[in-house]
PDB file of N, CA and C in Angstrom:
ATOM      1  N   MET A   1    -127.663 262.599  19.618  1.00  0.00           N
ATOM      2  CA  MET A   1    -126.363 262.407  19.056  1.00  0.00           C
ATOM      3  C   MET A   1    -126.437 262.772  17.565  1.00  0.00           C
ATOM      4  N   ARG A   2    -125.543 263.613  17.140  1.00  0.00           N
ATOM      5  CA  ARG A   2    -125.504 264.016  15.741  1.00  0.00           C
ATOM      6  C   ARG A   2    -124.502 263.133  15.000  1.00  0.00           C
ATOM      7  N   TYR A   3    -125.013 262.419  14.022  1.00  0.00           N
ATOM      8  CA  TYR A   3    -124.153 261.521  13.266  1.00  0.00           C
ATOM      9  C   TYR A   3    -123.563 262.231  12.059  1.00  0.00           C
ATOM     10  N   ARG A   4    -122.315 261.954  11.810  1.00  0.00           N
ATOM     11  CA  ARG A   4    -121.665 262.448  10.612  1.00  0.00           C
ATOM     12  C   ARG A   4    -121.897 261.445   9.491  1.00  0.00           C
ATOM     13  N   THR A   5    -121.661 261.886   8.270  1.00  0.00           N
ATOM     14  CA  THR A   5    -121.873 261.023   7.115  1.00  0.00           C
ATOM     15  C   THR A   5    -121.092 259.725   7.248  1.00  0.00           C
ATOM     16  N   TRP A   6    -119.816 259.803   7.669  1.00  0.00           N
ATOM     17  CA  TRP A   6    -119.023 258.585   7.782  1.00  0.00           C
ATOM     18  C   TRP A   6    -119.600 257.648   8.830  1.00  0.00           C
ATOM     19  N   ASP A   7    -120.222 258.195   9.882  1.00  0.00           N
ATOM     20  CA  ASP A   7    -120.859 257.346  10.894  1.00  0.00           C
ATOM     21  C   ASP A   7    -121.925 256.463  10.246  1.00  0.00           C
ATOM     22  N   TRP A   8    -122.751 257.066   9.399  1.00  0.00           N
ATOM     23  CA  TRP A   8    -123.827 256.320   8.734  1.00  0.00           C
ATOM     24  C   TRP A   8    -123.263 255.304   7.752  1.00  0.00           C
ATOM     25  N   VAL A   9    -122.237 255.691   7.021  1.00  0.00           N
ATOM     26  CA  VAL A   9    -121.599 254.768   6.075  1.00  0.00           C
ATOM     27  C   VAL A   9    -121.002 253.583   6.844  1.00  0.00           C
ATOM     28  N   ALA A  10    -120.257 253.869   7.897  1.00  0.00           N
ATOM     29  CA  ALA A  10    -119.623 252.811   8.692  1.00  0.00           C
ATOM     30  C   ALA A  10    -120.666 251.886   9.302  1.00  0.00           C
ATOM     31  N   LEU A  11    -121.714 252.464   9.856  1.00  0.00           N
ATOM     32  CA  LEU A  11    -122.760 251.648  10.469  1.00  0.00           C
ATOM     33  C   LEU A  11    -123.450 250.774   9.427  1.00  0.00           C
ATOM     34  N   SER A  12    -123.697 251.314   8.248  1.00  0.00           N
ATOM     35  CA  SER A  12    -124.303 250.531   7.165  1.00  0.00           C
ATOM     36  C   SER A  12    -123.409 249.365   6.760  1.00  0.00           C
ATOM     37  N   LEU A  13    -122.107 249.613   6.675  1.00  0.00           N
ATOM     38  CA  LEU A  13    -121.167 248.542   6.319  1.00  0.00           C
ATOM     39  C   LEU A  13    -121.108 247.467   7.399  1.00  0.00           C
ATOM     40  N   VAL A  14    -121.158 247.882   8.652  1.00  0.00           N
ATOM     41  CA  VAL A  14    -121.137 246.914   9.756  1.00  0.00           C
ATOM     42  C   VAL A  14    -122.407 246.060   9.725  1.00  0.00           C
ATOM     43  N   ILE A  15    -123.529 246.671   9.431  1.00  0.00           N
ATOM     44  CA  ILE A  15    -124.784 245.918   9.317  1.00  0.00           C
ATOM     45  C   ILE A  15    -124.699 244.932   8.160  1.00  0.00           C
ATOM     46  N   LEU A  16    -124.151 245.376   7.021  1.00  0.00           N
ATOM     47  CA  LEU A  16    -123.948 244.478   5.882  1.00  0.00           C
ATOM     48  C   LEU A  16    -123.061 243.297   6.286  1.00  0.00           C
ATOM     49  N   GLY A  17    -121.989 243.588   7.011  1.00  0.00           N
ATOM     50  CA  GLY A  17    -121.100 242.526   7.482  1.00  0.00           C
ATOM     51  C   GLY A  17    -121.806 241.570   8.418  1.00  0.00           C
ATOM     52  N   ALA A  18    -122.635 242.101   9.294  1.00  0.00           N
ATOM     53  CA  ALA A  18    -123.371 241.254  10.237  1.00  0.00           C
ATOM     54  C   ALA A  18    -124.354 240.342   9.497  1.00  0.00           C
ATOM     55  N   ILE A  19    -125.038 240.893   8.505  1.00  0.00           N
ATOM     56  CA  ILE A  19    -125.956 240.075   7.702  1.00  0.00           C
ATOM     57  C   ILE A  19    -125.174 238.987   6.973  1.00  0.00           C
ATOM     58  N   ASN A  20    -124.028 239.362   6.407  1.00  0.00           N
ATOM     59  CA  ASN A  20    -123.213 238.377   5.701  1.00  0.00           C
ATOM     60  C   ASN A  20    -122.759 237.255   6.640  1.00  0.00           C
ATOM     61  N   TRP A  21    -122.310 237.618   7.846  1.00  0.00           N
ATOM     62  CA  TRP A  21    -121.889 236.587   8.802  1.00  0.00           C
ATOM     63  C   TRP A  21    -123.070 235.707   9.218  1.00  0.00           C
ATOM     64  N   GLY A  22    -124.232 236.300   9.346  1.00  0.00           N
ATOM     65  CA  GLY A  22    -125.431 235.511   9.657  1.00  0.00           C
ATOM     66  C   GLY A  22    -125.743 234.510   8.557  1.00  0.00           C
ATOM     67  N   LEU A  23    -125.629 234.967   7.303  1.00  0.00           N
ATOM     68  CA  LEU A  23    -125.861 234.066   6.168  1.00  0.00           C
ATOM     69  C   LEU A  23    -124.830 232.946   6.134  1.00  0.00           C
ATOM     70  N   ILE A  24    -123.577 233.289   6.432  1.00  0.00           N
ATOM     71  CA  ILE A  24    -122.524 232.269   6.466  1.00  0.00           C
ATOM     72  C   ILE A  24    -122.815 231.251   7.574  1.00  0.00           C
ATOM     73  N   GLY A  25    -123.162 231.749   8.747  1.00  0.00           N
ATOM     74  CA  GLY A  25    -123.426 230.861   9.883  1.00  0.00           C
ATOM     75  C   GLY A  25    -124.646 229.977   9.688  1.00  0.00           C
ATOM     76  N   LEU A  26    -125.693 230.529   9.122  1.00  0.00           N
ATOM     77  CA  LEU A  26    -126.933 229.764   8.965  1.00  0.00           C
ATOM     78  C   LEU A  26    -126.952 228.876   7.728  1.00  0.00           C
ATOM     79  N   PHE A  27    -126.440 229.397   6.624  1.00  0.00           N
ATOM     80  CA  PHE A  27    -126.615 228.706   5.348  1.00  0.00           C
ATOM     81  C   PHE A  27    -125.317 228.412   4.592  1.00  0.00           C
ATOM     82  N   ARG A  28    -124.177 228.773   5.204  1.00  0.00           N
ATOM     83  CA  ARG A  28    -122.889 228.640   4.512  1.00  0.00           C
ATOM     84  C   ARG A  28    -122.920 229.376   3.169  1.00  0.00           C
ATOM     85  N   PHE A  29    -123.557 230.529   3.165  1.00  0.00           N
ATOM     86  CA  PHE A  29    -123.702 231.346   1.961  1.00  0.00           C
ATOM     87  C   PHE A  29    -123.037 232.691   2.205  1.00  0.00           C
ATOM     88  N   ASP A  30    -121.974 232.968   1.466  1.00  0.00           N
ATOM     89  CA  ASP A  30    -121.229 234.225   1.600  1.00  0.00           C
ATOM     90  C   ASP A  30    -121.682 235.186   0.502  1.00  0.00           C
ATOM     91  N   LEU A  31    -122.557 236.096   0.851  1.00  0.00           N
ATOM     92  CA  LEU A  31    -123.128 237.042  -0.109  1.00  0.00           C
ATOM     93  C   LEU A  31    -122.057 237.910  -0.767  1.00  0.00           C
ATOM     94  N   ILE A  32    -121.097 238.376   0.024  1.00  0.00           N
ATOM     95  CA  ILE A  32    -120.014 239.215  -0.515  1.00  0.00           C
ATOM     96  C   ILE A  32    -119.240 238.438  -1.581  1.00  0.00           C
ATOM     97  N   ALA A  33    -118.916 237.183  -1.281  1.00  0.00           N
ATOM     98  CA  ALA A  33    -118.176 236.351  -2.240  1.00  0.00           C
ATOM     99  C   ALA A  33    -118.986 236.123  -3.510  1.00  0.00           C
ATOM    100  N   VAL A  34    -120.271 235.896  -3.360  1.00  0.00           N
ATOM    101  CA  VAL A  34    -121.123 235.660  -4.531  1.00  0.00           C
ATOM    102  C   VAL A  34    -121.175 236.906  -5.414  1.00  0.00           C
ATOM    103  N   ILE A  35    -121.335 238.062  -4.796  1.00  0.00           N
ATOM    104  CA  ILE A  35    -121.447 239.310  -5.561  1.00  0.00           C
ATOM    105  C   ILE A  35    -120.126 239.688  -6.218  1.00  0.00           C
ATOM    106  N   PHE A  36    -119.023 239.496  -5.503  1.00  0.00           N
ATOM    107  CA  PHE A  36    -117.738 240.015  -5.966  1.00  0.00           C
ATOM    108  C   PHE A  36    -116.770 238.952  -6.481  1.00  0.00           C
ATOM    109  N   GLY A  37    -117.248 237.754  -6.802  1.00  0.00           N
ATOM    110  CA  GLY A  37    -116.400 236.802  -7.500  1.00  0.00           C
ATOM    111  C   GLY A  37    -115.648 235.810  -6.645  1.00  0.00           C
ATOM    112  N   GLY A  38    -116.165 235.428  -5.517  1.00  0.00           N
ATOM    113  CA  GLY A  38    -115.517 234.415  -4.685  1.00  0.00           C
ATOM    114  C   GLY A  38    -114.715 235.019  -3.552  1.00  0.00           C
ATOM    115  N   MET A  39    -114.488 234.200  -2.538  1.00  0.00           N
ATOM    116  CA  MET A  39    -113.770 234.658  -1.343  1.00  0.00           C
ATOM    117  C   MET A  39    -112.346 235.081  -1.642  1.00  0.00           C
ATOM    118  N   GLU A  40    -111.735 234.467  -2.612  1.00  0.00           N
ATOM    119  CA  GLU A  40    -110.336 234.747  -2.913  1.00  0.00           C
ATOM    120  C   GLU A  40    -110.148 235.900  -3.898  1.00  0.00           C
ATOM    121  N   SER A  41    -111.250 236.424  -4.459  1.00  0.00           N
ATOM    122  CA  SER A  41    -111.096 237.516  -5.417  1.00  0.00           C
ATOM    123  C   SER A  41    -110.601 238.773  -4.701  1.00  0.00           C
ATOM    124  N   VAL A  42    -109.844 239.568  -5.420  1.00  0.00           N
ATOM    125  CA  VAL A  42    -109.288 240.796  -4.848  1.00  0.00           C
ATOM    126  C   VAL A  42    -110.417 241.719  -4.385  1.00  0.00           C
ATOM    127  N   MET A  43    -111.470 241.823  -5.185  1.00  0.00           N
ATOM    128  CA  MET A  43    -112.568 242.727  -4.827  1.00  0.00           C
ATOM    129  C   MET A  43    -113.255 242.276  -3.530  1.00  0.00           C
ATOM    130  N   SER A  44    -113.515 240.988  -3.381  1.00  0.00           N
ATOM    131  CA  SER A  44    -114.125 240.489  -2.140  1.00  0.00           C
ATOM    132  C   SER A  44    -113.238 240.792  -0.948  1.00  0.00           C
ATOM    133  N   ARG A  45    -111.957 240.564  -1.087  1.00  0.00           N
ATOM    134  CA  ARG A  45    -111.030 240.810   0.019  1.00  0.00           C
ATOM    135  C   ARG A  45    -110.993 242.293   0.382  1.00  0.00           C
ATOM    136  N   ILE A  46    -111.068 243.160  -0.606  1.00  0.00           N
ATOM    137  CA  ILE A  46    -111.115 244.607  -0.338  1.00  0.00           C
ATOM    138  C   ILE A  46    -112.387 244.955   0.432  1.00  0.00           C
ATOM    139  N   ILE A  47    -113.514 244.384   0.016  1.00  0.00           N
ATOM    140  CA  ILE A  47    -114.791 244.638   0.717  1.00  0.00           C
ATOM    141  C   ILE A  47    -114.713 244.130   2.153  1.00  0.00           C
ATOM    142  N   TYR A  48    -114.153 242.945   2.366  1.00  0.00           N
ATOM    143  CA  TYR A  48    -114.007 242.417   3.731  1.00  0.00           C
ATOM    144  C   TYR A  48    -113.178 243.373   4.594  1.00  0.00           C
ATOM    145  N   VAL A  49    -112.099 243.883   4.040  1.00  0.00           N
ATOM    146  CA  VAL A  49    -111.231 244.806   4.788  1.00  0.00           C
ATOM    147  C   VAL A  49    -111.957 246.110   5.079  1.00  0.00           C
ATOM    148  N   ILE A  50    -112.701 246.635   4.118  1.00  0.00           N
ATOM    149  CA  ILE A  50    -113.453 247.879   4.330  1.00  0.00           C
ATOM    150  C   ILE A  50    -114.485 247.688   5.431  1.00  0.00           C
ATOM    151  N   ILE A  51    -115.174 246.551   5.415  1.00  0.00           N
ATOM    152  CA  ILE A  51    -116.165 246.270   6.472  1.00  0.00           C
ATOM    153  C   ILE A  51    -115.477 246.151   7.827  1.00  0.00           C
ATOM    154  N   ALA A  52    -114.324 245.510   7.865  1.00  0.00           N
ATOM    155  CA  ALA A  52    -113.583 245.393   9.129  1.00  0.00           C
ATOM    156  C   ALA A  52    -113.155 246.766   9.645  1.00  0.00           C
ATOM    157  N   LEU A  53    -112.674 247.620   8.760  1.00  0.00           N
ATOM    158  CA  LEU A  53    -112.282 248.972   9.168  1.00  0.00           C
ATOM    159  C   LEU A  53    -113.489 249.767   9.670  1.00  0.00           C
ATOM    160  N   ALA A  54    -114.627 249.576   9.015  1.00  0.00           N
ATOM    161  CA  ALA A  54    -115.855 250.242   9.468  1.00  0.00           C
ATOM    162  C   ALA A  54    -116.225 249.768  10.866  1.00  0.00           C
ATOM    163  N   GLY A  55    -116.057 248.469  11.132  1.00  0.00           N
ATOM    164  CA  GLY A  55    -116.335 247.938  12.472  1.00  0.00           C
ATOM    165  C   GLY A  55    -115.430 248.546  13.515  1.00  0.00           C
ATOM    166  N   LEU A  56    -114.161 248.668  13.190  1.00  0.00           N
ATOM    167  CA  LEU A  56    -113.221 249.301  14.127  1.00  0.00           C
ATOM    168  C   LEU A  56    -113.591 250.767  14.351  1.00  0.00           C
ATOM    169  N   TYR A  57    -113.977 251.458  13.297  1.00  0.00           N
ATOM    170  CA  TYR A  57    -114.397 252.853  13.425  1.00  0.00           C
ATOM    171  C   TYR A  57    -115.626 252.955  14.340  1.00  0.00           C
ATOM    172  N   CYS A  58    -116.540 252.009  14.216  1.00  0.00           N
ATOM    173  CA  CYS A  58    -117.761 252.045  15.035  1.00  0.00           C
ATOM    174  C   CYS A  58    -117.462 251.895  16.528  1.00  0.00           C
ATOM    175  N   LEU A  59    -116.284 251.378  16.872  1.00  0.00           N
ATOM    176  CA  LEU A  59    -115.903 251.337  18.286  1.00  0.00           C
ATOM    177  C   LEU A  59    -115.860 252.745  18.881  1.00  0.00           C
ATOM    178  N   SER A  60    -115.589 253.733  18.040  1.00  0.00           N
ATOM    179  CA  SER A  60    -115.556 255.112  18.533  1.00  0.00           C
ATOM    180  C   SER A  60    -116.930 255.585  18.999  1.00  0.00           C
ATOM    181  N   PHE A  61    -117.995 254.910  18.547  1.00  0.00           N
ATOM    182  CA  PHE A  61    -119.344 255.276  18.991  1.00  0.00           C
ATOM    183  C   PHE A  61    -119.473 255.106  20.502  1.00  0.00           C
ATOM    184  N   ILE A  62    -118.785 254.105  21.039  1.00  0.00           N
ATOM    185  CA  ILE A  62    -118.880 253.816  22.469  1.00  0.00           C
ATOM    186  C   ILE A  62    -118.417 255.019  23.286  1.00  0.00           C
ATOM    187  N   GLY A  63    -117.257 255.532  22.982  1.00  0.00           N
ATOM    188  CA  GLY A  63    -116.750 256.694  23.705  1.00  0.00           C
ATOM    189  C   GLY A  63    -117.593 257.928  23.480  1.00  0.00           C
ATOM    190  N   ARG A  64    -118.039 258.133  22.236  1.00  0.00           N
ATOM    191  CA  ARG A  64    -118.843 259.318  21.949  1.00  0.00           C
ATOM    192  C   ARG A  64    -120.200 259.232  22.613  1.00  0.00           C
ATOM    193  N   THR A  65    -120.785 258.051  22.672  1.00  0.00           N
ATOM    194  CA  THR A  65    -122.077 257.886  23.328  1.00  0.00           C
ATOM    195  C   THR A  65    -121.946 258.143  24.819  1.00  0.00           C
ATOM    196  N   ARG A  66    -120.885 257.649  25.421  1.00  0.00           N
ATOM    197  CA  ARG A  66    -120.649 257.854  26.849  1.00  0.00           C
ATOM    198  C   ARG A  66    -120.495 259.342  27.138  1.00  0.00           C
ATOM    199  N   ASP A  67    -119.755 260.058  26.285  1.00  0.00           N
ATOM    200  CA  ASP A  67    -119.577 261.504  26.469  1.00  0.00           C
ATOM    201  C   ASP A  67    -120.908 262.233  26.377  1.00  0.00           C
ATOM    202  N   ILE A  68    -121.764 261.820  25.454  1.00  0.00           N
ATOM    203  CA  ILE A  68    -123.057 262.476  25.287  1.00  0.00           C
ATOM    204  C   ILE A  68    -123.936 262.226  26.512  1.00  0.00           C
ATOM    205  N   VAL A  69    -123.933 260.995  27.029  1.00  0.00           N
ATOM    206  CA  VAL A  69    -124.729 260.675  28.220  1.00  0.00           C
ATOM    207  C   VAL A  69    -124.226 261.488  29.409  1.00  0.00           C
ATOM    208  N   ASP A  70    -122.911 261.555  29.603  1.00  0.00           N
ATOM    209  CA  ASP A  70    -122.345 262.330  30.705  1.00  0.00           C
ATOM    210  C   ASP A  70    -122.715 263.808  30.582  1.00  0.00           C
ATOM    211  N   THR A  71    -122.641 264.352  29.378  1.00  0.00           N
ATOM    212  CA  THR A  71    -122.985 265.758  29.156  1.00  0.00           C
ATOM    213  C   THR A  71    -124.461 265.997  29.442  1.00  0.00           C
ATOM    214  N   ALA A  72    -125.316 265.083  29.007  1.00  0.00           N
ATOM    215  CA  ALA A  72    -126.756 265.226  29.234  1.00  0.00           C
ATOM    216  C   ALA A  72    -127.076 265.188  30.729  1.00  0.00           C
ATOM    217  N   GLU A  73    -126.388 264.348  31.479  1.00  0.00           N
ATOM    218  CA  GLU A  73    -126.632 264.269  32.921  1.00  0.00           C
ATOM    219  C   GLU A  73    -126.234 265.562  33.621  1.00  0.00           C
ATOM    220  N   HIS A  74    -125.181 266.211  33.143  1.00  0.00           N
ATOM    221  CA  HIS A  74    -124.750 267.467  33.752  1.00  0.00           C
ATOM    222  C   HIS A  74    -125.701 268.603  33.406  1.00  0.00           C
ATOM    223  N   ARG A  75    -126.368 268.520  32.285  1.00  0.00           N
ATOM    224  CA  ARG A  75    -127.303 269.573  31.869  1.00  0.00           C
ATOM    225  C   ARG A  75    -128.669 269.424  32.513  1.00  0.00           C
ATOM    226  N   ARG A  76    -128.973 268.196  32.974  1.00  0.00           N
ATOM    227  CA  ARG A  76    -130.282 267.935  33.552  1.00  0.00           C
ATOM    228  C   ARG A  76    -130.427 268.713  34.853  1.00  0.00           C
ATOM    229  N   PRO A  77    -131.535 269.458  34.996  1.00  0.00           N
ATOM    230  CA  PRO A  77    -131.717 270.202  36.248  1.00  0.00           C
ATOM    231  C   PRO A  77    -131.940 269.234  37.416  1.00  0.00           C
ATOM    232  N   HIS A  78    -131.322 269.569  38.500  1.00  0.00           N
ATOM    233  CA  HIS A  78    -131.470 268.760  39.709  1.00  0.00           C
ATOM    234  C   HIS A  78    -132.603 269.354  40.538  1.00  0.00           C
ATOM    235  N   HIS A  79    -133.619 268.568  40.760  1.00  0.00           N
ATOM    236  CA  HIS A  79    -134.756 269.018  41.547  1.00  0.00           C
ATOM    237  C   HIS A  79    -134.603 268.507  42.975  1.00  0.00           C
ATOM    238  N   SER A  80    -134.680 269.440  43.887  1.00  0.00           N
ATOM    239  CA  SER A  80    -134.635 268.983  45.274  1.00  0.00           C
ATOM    240  C   SER A  80    -136.066 268.904  45.773  1.00  0.00           C
ATOM    241  N   HIS A  81    -136.352 267.844  46.445  1.00  0.00           N
ATOM    242  CA  HIS A  81    -137.694 267.640  46.972  1.00  0.00           C
ATOM    243  C   HIS A  81    -137.686 267.966  48.449  1.00  0.00           C
ATOM    244  N   HIS A  82    -138.360 269.045  48.792  1.00  0.00           N
ATOM    245  CA  HIS A  82    -138.463 269.433  50.193  1.00  0.00           C
ATOM    246  C   HIS A  82    -139.830 269.020  50.694  1.00  0.00           C
ATOM    247  N   ASN A  83    -139.821 268.249  51.720  1.00  0.00           N
ATOM    248  CA  ASN A  83    -141.090 267.815  52.317  1.00  0.00           C
ATOM    249  C   ASN A  83    -141.491 268.839  53.374  1.00  0.00           C
ATOM    250  N   ALA A  84    -142.665 269.394  53.171  1.00  0.00           N
ATOM    251  CA  ALA A  84    -143.172 270.367  54.145  1.00  0.00           C
ATOM    252  C   ALA A  84    -143.675 269.612  55.354  1.00  0.00           C
ATOM    253  N   VAL A  85    -143.268 270.071  56.520  1.00  0.00           N
ATOM    254  CA  VAL A  85    -143.678 269.391  57.740  1.00  0.00           C
ATOM    255  C   VAL A  85    -144.693 270.242  58.443  1.00  0.00           C
TER     256      VAL A  85
END
């Protein structure tokens, strides 16, 4: 699968979001809020929205991955096994 630049950016943001949610769940520590001035700051809210949009974009990976698997299966040579009697 050939990834485009935005694919890597989106995936990186989703990973950042996942780490942040893990920190919130385990330690009640919101890294994004700490870096960008609290949960209510405009910058934090913008980052949250960007991460959410990246997550939605990553849903497109599902369809593209399925298409690649289907294409690969059609390209795979079919070997017939003939048993000599």
